[in-house]
Amino acid sequence: MKDMQAIEAENRRKYSGEAYDARTICARAENDAKDYSSRMLQLKFEMVARQCPGEVLVDLCCGAGASLQTTALGRTTAIGLDFSEPFLRHAEHHRRGQGDARIAFACANARAIPLASATVDALYSLSSLYYVPALGEVIAEIARILRPGGRCVLDLGAGPSLNTVVCRSYPELAVSCHVTVEEMLDACRAHALAIVEHRCFQILPMWGDRPRWLKPLLHPIWARLLALRVNGRMLDEWISSLPVLRRFAFRHVLLCERVPA
């Protein structure tokens, strides 16, 4: 395994134009979306809107900033933080075009967030933290900047999963830093983040065509099937949440609340 500095340097290169494009890095949630990826994004946005109130919102690892156009609604201040300067330039260019004074962007490492302690009401980080090494340090920073009672939605990736196998077959993409479910939960508890809700997804990879031996489980039909809603939730979530399977599901979305000192 590469050391932390090497992983950060490699991922910064890849997120600065080497492997990812600022124009396409951020997806947009669609109303009444039917495909798996759109439904996944929509439910995470709904968690932020409904369960993370407050005036000051942070999008940690914001990419090109498209998510803030949705999540900033009703806030007085929305801050996007990312380590990719090209992504941030794209985000700022778009913000100026929209003339939205509520939104600001800044270049930052998730392990050293440049905001004062206890100044943020709500925070979210989507589809990003499983590319950041030293998750415990990131969680500590999130807890530090949240006000007591402040909430966050954290989108985390588990290591003992089929998605981890697929990721290892794509060395041209960002280096993954998956952890166990126990490590996720322990990091939150260690830094006074009480887990309000824990939702599990992606028992199958849902993307890719490598490695060859896994191809029967990589067919697009699985994403269509598992995106079906049953009693208000995707079939994928019902299956991924089963006690015997949840530790092997890749995506764990945690709603946490900062416990007062």
C-alpha atoms as a PDB file:
ATOM      1  CA  MET A   1       0.000   0.000   0.000  1.00  0.00           C
ATOM      2  CA  LYS A   2       1.315   3.458  -0.917  1.00  0.00           C
ATOM      3  CA  ASP A   3       1.904   5.954   1.879  1.00  0.00           C
ATOM      4  CA  MET A   4      -0.527   8.783   2.538  1.00  0.00           C
ATOM      5  CA  GLN A   5       1.479  11.519   0.812  1.00  0.00           C
ATOM      6  CA  ALA A   6       1.942   9.399  -2.313  1.00  0.00           C
ATOM      7  CA  ILE A   7      -1.786   8.631  -2.503  1.00  0.00           C
ATOM      8  CA  GLU A   8      -2.728  12.289  -2.077  1.00  0.00           C
ATOM      9  CA  ALA A   9      -0.233  13.405  -4.725  1.00  0.00           C
ATOM     10  CA  GLU A  10      -1.423  10.798  -7.234  1.00  0.00           C
ATOM     11  CA  ASN A  11      -5.086  11.536  -6.648  1.00  0.00           C
ATOM     12  CA  ARG A  12      -4.513  15.277  -6.872  1.00  0.00           C
ATOM     13  CA  ARG A  13      -2.965  14.777 -10.313  1.00  0.00           C
ATOM     14  CA  LYS A  14      -5.831  12.602 -11.462  1.00  0.00           C
ATOM     15  CA  TYR A  15      -8.444  15.027 -10.150  1.00  0.00           C
ATOM     16  CA  SER A  16      -6.656  17.953 -11.760  1.00  0.00           C
ATOM     17  CA  GLY A  17      -7.188  16.845 -15.324  1.00  0.00           C
ATOM     18  CA  GLU A  18      -5.163  13.655 -15.688  1.00  0.00           C
ATOM     19  CA  ALA A  19      -8.138  11.267 -15.354  1.00  0.00           C
ATOM     20  CA  TYR A  20     -11.222  13.380 -14.604  1.00  0.00           C
ATOM     21  CA  ASP A  21     -12.807  16.338 -16.384  1.00  0.00           C
ATOM     22  CA  ALA A  22     -14.245  19.285 -14.442  1.00  0.00           C
ATOM     23  CA  ARG A  23     -17.103  19.495 -16.939  1.00  0.00           C
ATOM     24  CA  THR A  24     -18.337  15.979 -16.178  1.00  0.00           C
ATOM     25  CA  ILE A  25     -17.108  15.159 -12.668  1.00  0.00           C
ATOM     26  CA  CYS A  26     -20.338  16.244 -10.939  1.00  0.00           C
ATOM     27  CA  ALA A  27     -23.679  14.621 -11.679  1.00  0.00           C
ATOM     28  CA  ARG A  28     -26.967  16.455 -11.168  1.00  0.00           C
ATOM     29  CA  ALA A  29     -29.945  15.017  -9.358  1.00  0.00           C
ATOM     30  CA  GLU A  30     -33.078  14.654 -11.433  1.00  0.00           C
ATOM     31  CA  ASN A  31     -36.647  14.613 -10.179  1.00  0.00           C
ATOM     32  CA  ASP A  32     -38.309  11.200 -10.577  1.00  0.00           C
ATOM     33  CA  ALA A  33     -35.010   9.669 -11.691  1.00  0.00           C
ATOM     34  CA  LYS A  34     -35.227   6.007 -12.626  1.00  0.00           C
ATOM     35  CA  ASP A  35     -31.625   4.901 -13.157  1.00  0.00           C
ATOM     36  CA  TYR A  36     -29.564   3.678 -10.213  1.00  0.00           C
ATOM     37  CA  SER A  37     -26.936   6.448 -10.103  1.00  0.00           C
ATOM     38  CA  SER A  38     -29.490   9.251 -10.291  1.00  0.00           C
ATOM     39  CA  ARG A  39     -31.672   7.698  -7.601  1.00  0.00           C
ATOM     40  CA  MET A  40     -28.630   7.241  -5.390  1.00  0.00           C
ATOM     41  CA  LEU A  41     -27.674  10.905  -5.756  1.00  0.00           C
ATOM     42  CA  GLN A  42     -31.233  12.078  -5.261  1.00  0.00           C
ATOM     43  CA  LEU A  43     -31.669  10.263  -1.955  1.00  0.00           C
ATOM     44  CA  LYS A  44     -28.395  11.688  -0.617  1.00  0.00           C
ATOM     45  CA  PHE A  45     -29.484  15.212  -1.557  1.00  0.00           C
ATOM     46  CA  GLU A  46     -32.790  14.572   0.196  1.00  0.00           C
ATOM     47  CA  MET A  47     -30.957  13.506   3.356  1.00  0.00           C
ATOM     48  CA  VAL A  48     -28.986  16.766   3.335  1.00  0.00           C
ATOM     49  CA  ALA A  49     -32.055  18.927   2.680  1.00  0.00           C
ATOM     50  CA  ARG A  50     -34.383  17.275   5.185  1.00  0.00           C
ATOM     51  CA  GLN A  51     -32.096  16.219   7.997  1.00  0.00           C
ATOM     52  CA  CYS A  52     -29.229  18.726   7.996  1.00  0.00           C
ATOM     53  CA  PRO A  53     -30.760  22.123   8.784  1.00  0.00           C
ATOM     54  CA  GLY A  54     -28.870  25.356   9.350  1.00  0.00           C
ATOM     55  CA  GLU A  55     -27.605  28.521   7.719  1.00  0.00           C
ATOM     56  CA  VAL A  56     -23.978  27.535   7.033  1.00  0.00           C
ATOM     57  CA  LEU A  57     -23.390  24.486   4.811  1.00  0.00           C
ATOM     58  CA  VAL A  58     -20.126  22.874   3.654  1.00  0.00           C
ATOM     59  CA  ASP A  59     -19.687  20.557   0.669  1.00  0.00           C
ATOM     60  CA  LEU A  60     -16.451  18.722   1.457  1.00  0.00           C
ATOM     61  CA  CYS A  61     -14.714  17.452  -1.693  1.00  0.00           C
ATOM     62  CA  CYS A  62     -17.114  19.492  -3.820  1.00  0.00           C
ATOM     63  CA  GLY A  63     -15.486  18.765  -7.188  1.00  0.00           C
ATOM     64  CA  ALA A  64     -16.698  21.297  -9.747  1.00  0.00           C
ATOM     65  CA  GLY A  65     -19.379  22.555  -7.355  1.00  0.00           C
ATOM     66  CA  ALA A  66     -22.541  21.476  -9.167  1.00  0.00           C
ATOM     67  CA  SER A  67     -24.097  19.914  -6.057  1.00  0.00           C
ATOM     68  CA  LEU A  68     -24.178  23.253  -4.245  1.00  0.00           C
ATOM     69  CA  GLN A  69     -26.656  24.601  -6.773  1.00  0.00           C
ATOM     70  CA  THR A  70     -29.162  22.209  -5.200  1.00  0.00           C
ATOM     71  CA  THR A  71     -28.038  21.902  -1.589  1.00  0.00           C
ATOM     72  CA  ALA A  72     -27.481  25.657  -1.017  1.00  0.00           C
ATOM     73  CA  LEU A  73     -31.186  26.393  -1.359  1.00  0.00           C
ATOM     74  CA  GLY A  74     -32.448  27.998   1.838  1.00  0.00           C
ATOM     75  CA  ARG A  75     -28.953  28.594   3.271  1.00  0.00           C
ATOM     76  CA  THR A  76     -27.287  31.935   3.859  1.00  0.00           C
ATOM     77  CA  THR A  77     -23.763  30.578   3.241  1.00  0.00           C
ATOM     78  CA  ALA A  78     -22.592  27.521   1.301  1.00  0.00           C
ATOM     79  CA  ILE A  79     -18.895  26.664   1.050  1.00  0.00           C
ATOM     80  CA  GLY A  80     -17.380  24.185  -1.390  1.00  0.00           C
ATOM     81  CA  LEU A  81     -13.980  22.728  -0.477  1.00  0.00           C
ATOM     82  CA  ASP A  82     -11.783  20.621  -2.737  1.00  0.00           C
ATOM     83  CA  PHE A  83      -8.087  19.928  -3.373  1.00  0.00           C
ATOM     84  CA  SER A  84      -8.342  20.239  -7.170  1.00  0.00           C
ATOM     85  CA  GLU A  85      -7.601  23.779  -8.306  1.00  0.00           C
ATOM     86  CA  PRO A  86      -8.852  23.155 -11.886  1.00  0.00           C
ATOM     87  CA  PHE A  87     -12.184  21.916 -10.523  1.00  0.00           C
ATOM     88  CA  LEU A  88     -12.453  24.951  -8.259  1.00  0.00           C
ATOM     89  CA  ARG A  89     -11.689  27.362 -11.100  1.00  0.00           C
ATOM     90  CA  HIS A  90     -14.489  25.749 -13.092  1.00  0.00           C
ATOM     91  CA  ALA A  91     -16.822  26.006 -10.078  1.00  0.00           C
ATOM     92  CA  GLU A  92     -15.985  29.672  -9.477  1.00  0.00           C
ATOM     93  CA  HIS A  93     -16.436  30.538 -13.150  1.00  0.00           C
ATOM     94  CA  HIS A  94     -19.904  29.005 -13.092  1.00  0.00           C
ATOM     95  CA  ARG A  95     -20.761  30.709  -9.768  1.00  0.00           C
ATOM     96  CA  ARG A  96     -19.841  34.117 -11.162  1.00  0.00           C
ATOM     97  CA  GLY A  97     -21.981  33.450 -14.195  1.00  0.00           C
ATOM     98  CA  GLN A  98     -24.916  32.683 -11.915  1.00  0.00           C
ATOM     99  CA  GLY A  99     -24.148  35.636  -9.634  1.00  0.00           C
ATOM    100  CA  ASP A 100     -24.797  33.573  -6.489  1.00  0.00           C
ATOM    101  CA  ALA A 101     -23.232  35.431  -3.582  1.00  0.00           C
ATOM    102  CA  ARG A 102     -24.221  32.752  -1.048  1.00  0.00           C
ATOM    103  CA  ILE A 103     -21.682  30.284  -2.446  1.00  0.00           C
ATOM    104  CA  ALA A 104     -17.896  30.385  -2.002  1.00  0.00           C
ATOM    105  CA  PHE A 105     -15.134  27.943  -2.912  1.00  0.00           C
ATOM    106  CA  ALA A 106     -11.724  27.281  -1.375  1.00  0.00           C
ATOM    107  CA  CYS A 107      -8.850  24.882  -1.995  1.00  0.00           C
ATOM    108  CA  ALA A 108      -8.337  22.587   0.981  1.00  0.00           C
ATOM    109  CA  ASN A 109      -7.124  19.222   2.184  1.00  0.00           C
ATOM    110  CA  ALA A 110      -9.943  17.299   3.904  1.00  0.00           C
ATOM    111  CA  ARG A 111      -7.522  16.452   6.709  1.00  0.00           C
ATOM    112  CA  ALA A 112      -6.935  20.162   7.456  1.00  0.00           C
ATOM    113  CA  ILE A 113     -10.119  22.127   6.780  1.00  0.00           C
ATOM    114  CA  PRO A 114      -9.470  25.907   6.747  1.00  0.00           C
ATOM    115  CA  LEU A 115     -12.534  26.864   8.811  1.00  0.00           C
ATOM    116  CA  ALA A 116     -12.814  27.910  12.449  1.00  0.00           C
ATOM    117  CA  SER A 117     -14.044  25.433  15.027  1.00  0.00           C
ATOM    118  CA  ALA A 118     -17.803  25.146  15.681  1.00  0.00           C
ATOM    119  CA  THR A 119     -18.806  27.446  12.803  1.00  0.00           C
ATOM    120  CA  VAL A 120     -20.689  25.071  10.495  1.00  0.00           C
ATOM    121  CA  ASP A 121     -24.316  23.961  10.851  1.00  0.00           C
ATOM    122  CA  ALA A 122     -24.333  21.233   8.215  1.00  0.00           C
ATOM    123  CA  LEU A 123     -21.804  19.372   6.075  1.00  0.00           C
ATOM    124  CA  TYR A 124     -21.880  16.640   3.481  1.00  0.00           C
ATOM    125  CA  SER A 125     -19.337  14.728   1.438  1.00  0.00           C
ATOM    126  CA  LEU A 126     -20.561  12.578  -1.433  1.00  0.00           C
ATOM    127  CA  SER A 127     -18.697   9.939  -3.453  1.00  0.00           C
ATOM    128  CA  SER A 128     -15.301  11.242  -2.343  1.00  0.00           C
ATOM    129  CA  LEU A 129     -14.085  10.239   1.108  1.00  0.00           C
ATOM    130  CA  TYR A 130     -13.179   6.732  -0.026  1.00  0.00           C
ATOM    131  CA  TYR A 131     -10.374   8.333  -2.052  1.00  0.00           C
ATOM    132  CA  VAL A 132      -8.962  10.175   0.975  1.00  0.00           C
ATOM    133  CA  PRO A 133      -6.387   8.423   3.199  1.00  0.00           C
ATOM    134  CA  ALA A 134      -6.502   8.657   7.006  1.00  0.00           C
ATOM    135  CA  LEU A 135     -10.274   8.724   7.418  1.00  0.00           C
ATOM    136  CA  GLY A 136      -9.943   9.288  11.168  1.00  0.00           C
ATOM    137  CA  GLU A 137      -8.194  12.612  10.565  1.00  0.00           C
ATOM    138  CA  VAL A 138     -10.943  13.711   8.179  1.00  0.00           C
ATOM    139  CA  ILE A 139     -13.672  12.770  10.665  1.00  0.00           C
ATOM    140  CA  ALA A 140     -11.834  14.696  13.397  1.00  0.00           C
ATOM    141  CA  GLU A 141     -11.792  17.822  11.222  1.00  0.00           C
ATOM    142  CA  ILE A 142     -15.479  17.474  10.362  1.00  0.00           C
ATOM    143  CA  ALA A 143     -16.348  17.145  14.053  1.00  0.00           C
ATOM    144  CA  ARG A 144     -14.177  20.159  14.880  1.00  0.00           C
ATOM    145  CA  ILE A 145     -15.878  22.582  12.504  1.00  0.00           C
ATOM    146  CA  LEU A 146     -19.450  21.424  13.228  1.00  0.00           C
ATOM    147  CA  ARG A 147     -21.382  23.319  15.860  1.00  0.00           C
ATOM    148  CA  PRO A 148     -22.802  21.232  18.736  1.00  0.00           C
ATOM    149  CA  GLY A 149     -25.952  19.695  17.314  1.00  0.00           C
ATOM    150  CA  GLY A 150     -24.715  20.238  13.755  1.00  0.00           C
ATOM    151  CA  ARG A 151     -25.230  17.393  11.328  1.00  0.00           C
ATOM    152  CA  CYS A 152     -23.355  15.808   8.451  1.00  0.00           C
ATOM    153  CA  VAL A 153     -24.013  13.239   5.723  1.00  0.00           C
ATOM    154  CA  LEU A 154     -20.928  11.131   5.031  1.00  0.00           C
ATOM    155  CA  ASP A 155     -20.734   8.828   2.004  1.00  0.00           C
ATOM    156  CA  LEU A 156     -18.146   6.164   2.884  1.00  0.00           C
ATOM    157  CA  GLY A 157     -16.783   3.076   1.128  1.00  0.00           C
ATOM    158  CA  ALA A 158     -16.188  -0.344   2.693  1.00  0.00           C
ATOM    159  CA  GLY A 159     -13.145  -2.431   1.872  1.00  0.00           C
ATOM    160  CA  PRO A 160     -14.413  -6.024   1.971  1.00  0.00           C
ATOM    161  CA  SER A 161     -16.721  -5.461  -1.002  1.00  0.00           C
ATOM    162  CA  LEU A 162     -16.977  -6.472  -4.638  1.00  0.00           C
ATOM    163  CA  ASN A 163     -16.597  -2.822  -5.573  1.00  0.00           C
ATOM    164  CA  THR A 164     -13.119  -2.871  -4.035  1.00  0.00           C
ATOM    165  CA  VAL A 165     -12.208  -5.739  -6.371  1.00  0.00           C
ATOM    166  CA  VAL A 166     -13.402  -3.735  -9.379  1.00  0.00           C
ATOM    167  CA  CYS A 167     -11.546  -0.590  -8.283  1.00  0.00           C
ATOM    168  CA  ARG A 168      -8.264  -2.513  -8.125  1.00  0.00           C
ATOM    169  CA  SER A 169      -8.735  -3.408 -11.781  1.00  0.00           C
ATOM    170  CA  TYR A 170      -8.710   0.292 -12.772  1.00  0.00           C
ATOM    171  CA  PRO A 171      -5.256   1.668 -11.832  1.00  0.00           C
ATOM    172  CA  GLU A 172      -5.817   4.604 -14.205  1.00  0.00           C
ATOM    173  CA  LEU A 173      -8.491   5.961 -11.861  1.00  0.00           C
ATOM    174  CA  ALA A 174      -8.024   7.498  -8.416  1.00  0.00           C
ATOM    175  CA  VAL A 175      -6.448   5.370  -5.690  1.00  0.00           C
ATOM    176  CA  SER A 176      -9.133   3.957  -3.406  1.00  0.00           C
ATOM    177  CA  CYS A 177      -8.842   4.146   0.390  1.00  0.00           C
ATOM    178  CA  HIS A 178     -11.642   1.834   1.499  1.00  0.00           C
ATOM    179  CA  VAL A 179     -11.987   0.939   5.179  1.00  0.00           C
ATOM    180  CA  THR A 180     -14.040  -1.569   7.130  1.00  0.00           C
ATOM    181  CA  VAL A 181     -17.488  -0.699   8.448  1.00  0.00           C
ATOM    182  CA  GLU A 182     -16.137  -1.016  11.972  1.00  0.00           C
ATOM    183  CA  GLU A 183     -13.433   1.569  11.204  1.00  0.00           C
ATOM    184  CA  MET A 184     -16.049   4.001   9.862  1.00  0.00           C
ATOM    185  CA  LEU A 185     -18.222   3.715  12.956  1.00  0.00           C
ATOM    186  CA  ASP A 186     -15.285   3.818  15.379  1.00  0.00           C
ATOM    187  CA  ALA A 187     -13.933   7.001  13.756  1.00  0.00           C
ATOM    188  CA  CYS A 188     -17.281   8.758  14.158  1.00  0.00           C
ATOM    189  CA  ARG A 189     -17.728   7.691  17.767  1.00  0.00           C
ATOM    190  CA  ALA A 190     -14.141   8.626  18.651  1.00  0.00           C
ATOM    191  CA  HIS A 191     -14.782  12.208  17.571  1.00  0.00           C
ATOM    192  CA  ALA A 192     -18.191  12.807  19.166  1.00  0.00           C
ATOM    193  CA  LEU A 193     -20.276  12.213  16.051  1.00  0.00           C
ATOM    194  CA  ALA A 194     -23.391  10.306  17.058  1.00  0.00           C
ATOM    195  CA  ILE A 195     -24.781   8.144  14.255  1.00  0.00           C
ATOM    196  CA  VAL A 196     -28.416   9.111  13.683  1.00  0.00           C
ATOM    197  CA  GLU A 197     -28.980   6.995  10.585  1.00  0.00           C
ATOM    198  CA  HIS A 198     -26.916   4.349   8.776  1.00  0.00           C
ATOM    199  CA  ARG A 199     -27.961   3.333   5.262  1.00  0.00           C
ATOM    200  CA  CYS A 200     -26.253   0.646   3.153  1.00  0.00           C
ATOM    201  CA  PHE A 201     -26.018   0.297  -0.633  1.00  0.00           C
ATOM    202  CA  GLN A 202     -24.091  -1.267  -3.502  1.00  0.00           C
ATOM    203  CA  ILE A 203     -23.890  -4.933  -2.619  1.00  0.00           C
ATOM    204  CA  LEU A 204     -22.842  -5.343  -6.281  1.00  0.00           C
ATOM    205  CA  PRO A 205     -20.287  -3.020  -7.938  1.00  0.00           C
ATOM    206  CA  MET A 206     -22.857  -1.378 -10.292  1.00  0.00           C
ATOM    207  CA  TRP A 207     -20.163  -0.264 -12.759  1.00  0.00           C
ATOM    208  CA  GLY A 208     -17.135  -1.391 -14.752  1.00  0.00           C
ATOM    209  CA  ASP A 209     -16.263  -4.391 -16.906  1.00  0.00           C
ATOM    210  CA  ARG A 210     -13.187  -5.677 -15.071  1.00  0.00           C
ATOM    211  CA  PRO A 211     -12.005  -8.142 -13.850  1.00  0.00           C
ATOM    212  CA  ARG A 212     -13.214 -10.699 -16.357  1.00  0.00           C
ATOM    213  CA  TRP A 213     -14.094 -13.339 -13.766  1.00  0.00           C
ATOM    214  CA  LEU A 214     -16.574 -10.925 -12.170  1.00  0.00           C
ATOM    215  CA  LYS A 215     -18.354 -10.037 -15.422  1.00  0.00           C
ATOM    216  CA  PRO A 216     -21.612 -11.904 -14.659  1.00  0.00           C
ATOM    217  CA  LEU A 217     -22.139  -9.527 -11.724  1.00  0.00           C
ATOM    218  CA  LEU A 218     -21.116  -6.405 -13.695  1.00  0.00           C
ATOM    219  CA  HIS A 219     -23.879  -6.559 -16.289  1.00  0.00           C
ATOM    220  CA  PRO A 220     -25.957  -3.320 -16.454  1.00  0.00           C
ATOM    221  CA  ILE A 221     -29.126  -5.317 -15.809  1.00  0.00           C
ATOM    222  CA  TRP A 222     -28.209  -5.526 -12.120  1.00  0.00           C
ATOM    223  CA  ALA A 223     -28.210  -1.735 -11.774  1.00  0.00           C
ATOM    224  CA  ARG A 224     -31.636  -1.549 -13.405  1.00  0.00           C
ATOM    225  CA  LEU A 225     -33.027  -4.296 -11.210  1.00  0.00           C
ATOM    226  CA  LEU A 226     -31.585  -3.046  -7.928  1.00  0.00           C
ATOM    227  CA  ALA A 227     -32.773   0.509  -8.645  1.00  0.00           C
ATOM    228  CA  LEU A 228     -36.398  -0.662  -8.391  1.00  0.00           C
ATOM    229  CA  ARG A 229     -38.219   0.838  -5.426  1.00  0.00           C
ATOM    230  CA  VAL A 230     -39.885  -1.379  -2.840  1.00  0.00           C
ATOM    231  CA  ASN A 231     -41.834   0.372  -0.073  1.00  0.00           C
ATOM    232  CA  GLY A 232     -40.064   3.650  -0.814  1.00  0.00           C
ATOM    233  CA  ARG A 233     -36.496   2.339  -0.936  1.00  0.00           C
ATOM    234  CA  MET A 234     -34.374   0.845  -3.665  1.00  0.00           C
ATOM    235  CA  LEU A 235     -34.165  -2.929  -3.739  1.00  0.00           C
ATOM    236  CA  ASP A 236     -30.400  -2.528  -3.429  1.00  0.00           C
ATOM    237  CA  GLU A 237     -30.771  -0.862  -0.036  1.00  0.00           C
ATOM    238  CA  TRP A 238     -33.046  -3.606   1.294  1.00  0.00           C
ATOM    239  CA  ILE A 239     -30.566  -6.311   0.252  1.00  0.00           C
ATOM    240  CA  SER A 240     -27.443  -4.388   1.294  1.00  0.00           C
ATOM    241  CA  SER A 241     -28.927  -3.734   4.749  1.00  0.00           C
ATOM    242  CA  LEU A 242     -29.465  -7.379   5.625  1.00  0.00           C
ATOM    243  CA  PRO A 243     -27.403  -8.193   8.752  1.00  0.00           C
ATOM    244  CA  VAL A 244     -25.410 -10.921   7.027  1.00  0.00           C
ATOM    245  CA  LEU A 245     -24.595  -8.733   3.998  1.00  0.00           C
ATOM    246  CA  ARG A 246     -24.236  -5.135   5.237  1.00  0.00           C
ATOM    247  CA  ARG A 247     -20.543  -5.396   6.111  1.00  0.00           C
ATOM    248  CA  PHE A 248     -19.876  -6.501   2.509  1.00  0.00           C
ATOM    249  CA  ALA A 249     -21.928  -3.703   0.903  1.00  0.00           C
ATOM    250  CA  PHE A 250     -19.665  -0.985  -0.458  1.00  0.00           C
ATOM    251  CA  ARG A 251     -21.535   2.267   0.132  1.00  0.00           C
ATOM    252  CA  HIS A 252     -22.406   3.331   3.680  1.00  0.00           C
ATOM    253  CA  VAL A 253     -24.193   6.656   4.039  1.00  0.00           C
ATOM    254  CA  LEU A 254     -24.071   7.955   7.598  1.00  0.00           C
ATOM    255  CA  LEU A 255     -26.146  10.778   9.026  1.00  0.00           C
ATOM    256  CA  CYS A 256     -24.250  12.010  12.087  1.00  0.00           C
ATOM    257  CA  GLU A 257     -24.828  14.683  14.726  1.00  0.00           C
ATOM    258  CA  ARG A 258     -22.124  16.535  16.648  1.00  0.00           C
ATOM    259  CA  VAL A 259     -22.549  15.706  20.309  1.00  0.00           C
ATOM    260  CA  PRO A 260     -22.257  18.771  22.595  1.00  0.00           C
ATOM    261  CA  ALA A 261     -19.173  18.760  24.821  1.00  0.00           C
END
